[in-house]
Amino acid sequence: MILAFFMLFAGGMLIGGAWSFYRSKKPWWAYLGLLLLGLLCFGISIWRIQTG
């Protein structure tokens, strides 16, 4: 369960980083990669919380 909350935190940080990269006009692949990685972490955390 601790891992799930850590992944939730990491996913939120990565999604925020992707937004920051998008606003500062970084290359599209950089913020897209961060966004996908953040969504993956977020999805894994939700799955881990639901399964207990």
C-alpha atoms as a PDB file:
ATOM      1  CA  MET A   1       0.000   0.000   0.000  1.00  0.00           C
ATOM      2  CA  ILE A   2       2.888   2.372   0.711  1.00  0.00           C
ATOM      3  CA  LEU A   3       4.208   1.700  -2.794  1.00  0.00           C
ATOM      4  CA  ALA A   4       0.828   2.685  -4.250  1.00  0.00           C
ATOM      5  CA  PHE A   5       0.896   6.070  -2.535  1.00  0.00           C
ATOM      6  CA  PHE A   6       4.508   6.602  -3.566  1.00  0.00           C
ATOM      7  CA  MET A   7       3.545   5.853  -7.185  1.00  0.00           C
ATOM      8  CA  LEU A   8       0.608   8.256  -6.880  1.00  0.00           C
ATOM      9  CA  PHE A   9       2.968  10.993  -5.687  1.00  0.00           C
ATOM     10  CA  ALA A  10       5.514  10.217  -8.424  1.00  0.00           C
ATOM     11  CA  GLY A  11       2.807  10.184 -11.095  1.00  0.00           C
ATOM     12  CA  GLY A  12       1.538  13.569  -9.973  1.00  0.00           C
ATOM     13  CA  MET A  13       5.039  15.006 -10.015  1.00  0.00           C
ATOM     14  CA  LEU A  14       5.690  13.661 -13.514  1.00  0.00           C
ATOM     15  CA  ILE A  15       2.385  15.001 -14.840  1.00  0.00           C
ATOM     16  CA  GLY A  16       3.220  18.396 -13.318  1.00  0.00           C
ATOM     17  CA  GLY A  17       6.655  18.235 -14.917  1.00  0.00           C
ATOM     18  CA  ALA A  18       5.073  17.476 -18.271  1.00  0.00           C
ATOM     19  CA  TRP A  19       2.846  20.544 -17.899  1.00  0.00           C
ATOM     20  CA  SER A  20       5.889  22.644 -17.032  1.00  0.00           C
ATOM     21  CA  PHE A  21       7.780  21.302 -20.059  1.00  0.00           C
ATOM     22  CA  TYR A  22       4.777  22.099 -22.279  1.00  0.00           C
ATOM     23  CA  ARG A  23       4.536  25.667 -20.973  1.00  0.00           C
ATOM     24  CA  SER A  24       8.265  26.305 -21.422  1.00  0.00           C
ATOM     25  CA  LYS A  25       8.170  25.113 -25.063  1.00  0.00           C
ATOM     26  CA  LYS A  26      10.416  22.064 -24.653  1.00  0.00           C
ATOM     27  CA  PRO A  27      10.479  19.508 -27.500  1.00  0.00           C
ATOM     28  CA  TRP A  28       7.165  17.678 -27.928  1.00  0.00           C
ATOM     29  CA  TRP A  29       8.712  14.277 -27.281  1.00  0.00           C
ATOM     30  CA  ALA A  30      10.044  15.427 -23.888  1.00  0.00           C
ATOM     31  CA  TYR A  31       6.719  16.487 -22.421  1.00  0.00           C
ATOM     32  CA  LEU A  32       4.867  13.631 -24.117  1.00  0.00           C
ATOM     33  CA  GLY A  33       7.282  11.129 -22.580  1.00  0.00           C
ATOM     34  CA  LEU A  34       6.879  12.673 -19.128  1.00  0.00           C
ATOM     35  CA  LEU A  35       3.115  12.728 -19.513  1.00  0.00           C
ATOM     36  CA  LEU A  36       2.934   9.065 -20.527  1.00  0.00           C
ATOM     37  CA  LEU A  37       5.249   8.017 -17.719  1.00  0.00           C
ATOM     38  CA  GLY A  38       3.217  10.053 -15.228  1.00  0.00           C
ATOM     39  CA  LEU A  39      -0.053   8.551 -16.418  1.00  0.00           C
ATOM     40  CA  LEU A  40       1.453   5.071 -16.171  1.00  0.00           C
ATOM     41  CA  CYS A  41       2.538   5.699 -12.565  1.00  0.00           C
ATOM     42  CA  PHE A  42      -0.848   7.185 -11.761  1.00  0.00           C
ATOM     43  CA  GLY A  43      -2.684   4.223 -13.293  1.00  0.00           C
ATOM     44  CA  ILE A  44      -0.529   1.680 -11.472  1.00  0.00           C
ATOM     45  CA  SER A  45      -1.121   3.463  -8.179  1.00  0.00           C
ATOM     46  CA  ILE A  46      -4.909   3.490  -8.633  1.00  0.00           C
ATOM     47  CA  TRP A  47      -4.825  -0.209  -9.536  1.00  0.00           C
ATOM     48  CA  ARG A  48      -2.685  -1.041  -6.482  1.00  0.00           C
ATOM     49  CA  ILE A  49      -4.966   0.948  -4.149  1.00  0.00           C
ATOM     50  CA  GLN A  50      -8.090  -0.791  -5.484  1.00  0.00           C
ATOM     51  CA  THR A  51      -6.625  -4.286  -5.171  1.00  0.00           C
ATOM     52  CA  GLY A  52      -5.497  -3.623  -1.622  1.00  0.00           C
END
